[in-house]
Protein backbone atom coordinates (compact mmCIF):
# COMPACT_ATOMS: atom_id res chain seq x y z
CA MET A 1 -0.10 0.38 0.90
CA GLU A 2 1.66 3.51 -0.73
CA TYR A 3 0.84 6.22 2.49
CA ASP A 4 1.50 10.04 1.42
CA HIS A 5 3.99 10.99 2.56
CA GLU A 6 5.35 13.97 0.76
CA TYR A 7 6.10 16.88 1.54
CA THR A 8 3.28 16.44 4.51
CA ARG A 9 2.28 18.64 7.56
CA ASN A 10 3.86 16.05 9.86
CA ILE A 11 6.53 12.92 9.43
CA VAL A 12 4.81 10.69 7.71
CA CYS A 13 6.19 6.44 8.07
CA PRO A 14 6.26 5.65 4.58
CA TYR A 15 5.99 1.89 5.11
CA CYS A 16 2.68 1.95 7.47
CA GLY A 17 1.06 5.57 7.40
CA TYR A 18 1.64 6.83 11.11
CA GLU A 19 1.27 9.88 11.04
CA ASP A 20 3.81 11.82 14.78
CA ARG A 21 2.22 14.48 15.11
CA ASN A 22 4.77 15.43 17.23
CA SER A 23 7.45 16.54 14.32
CA TRP A 24 7.97 19.66 15.33
CA GLU A 25 10.01 17.66 18.47
CA VAL A 26 12.07 16.23 15.78
CA MET A 27 15.69 17.59 16.20
CA ARG A 28 14.00 21.01 15.84
CA ASN A 29 15.68 23.91 14.12
CA GLU A 30 17.82 20.67 12.41
CA GLU A 31 16.48 19.93 7.92
CA ASP A 32 18.37 16.49 8.10
CA LEU A 33 16.45 15.02 10.68
CA GLY A 34 19.19 11.72 9.84
CA VAL A 35 17.06 8.37 9.86
CA ILE A 36 14.15 7.55 12.38
CA GLU A 37 12.21 4.76 13.56
CA CYS A 38 8.73 4.65 13.41
CA GLY A 39 6.60 4.59 16.74
CA MET A 40 3.94 2.63 15.48
CA CYS A 41 5.48 0.28 12.84
CA GLY A 42 9.92 -0.11 13.83
CA GLU A 43 10.57 0.41 10.04
CA GLU A 44 13.85 2.83 9.81
CA PHE A 45 13.59 5.27 8.15
CA LYS A 46 15.89 9.32 6.52
CA ALA A 47 13.42 11.91 6.81
CA GLU A 48 14.04 15.50 6.49
CA ARG A 49 12.33 19.13 7.01
CA ILE A 50 11.40 21.63 4.61
CA VAL A 51 12.04 24.54 5.58
CA ALA A 52 10.06 28.01 3.75
CA ILE A 53 10.20 31.52 4.14
CA GLU A 54 7.54 34.10 3.69
CA TYR A 55 7.51 37.91 3.70
CA SER A 56 4.70 39.67 3.83
CA THR A 57 4.60 43.65 2.99
CA TYR A 58 2.38 46.30 4.75
CA LYS A 59 1.36 50.30 3.39
CA LEU A 60 2.78 52.45 5.72
CA GLU A 61 -0.52 54.29 5.25
CA GLY A 62 -2.85 53.93 8.26
CA LEU A 63 0.24 52.11 10.99
CA LYS A 64 1.87 55.29 12.36
């Protein structure tokens, strides 16, 4: 069975589909998370964190 495990909001095990809802706790501030063991099935897999930076700008009118 295939699981949606690429570009997801949380780490998803590609073997069993388990979603780690505490993914933000895994090696905080790191992008390459290395090899991780699934908390459900115990299989090991490689994980990486994708970091996106966005900006917003505003007119100064009405902010002063």
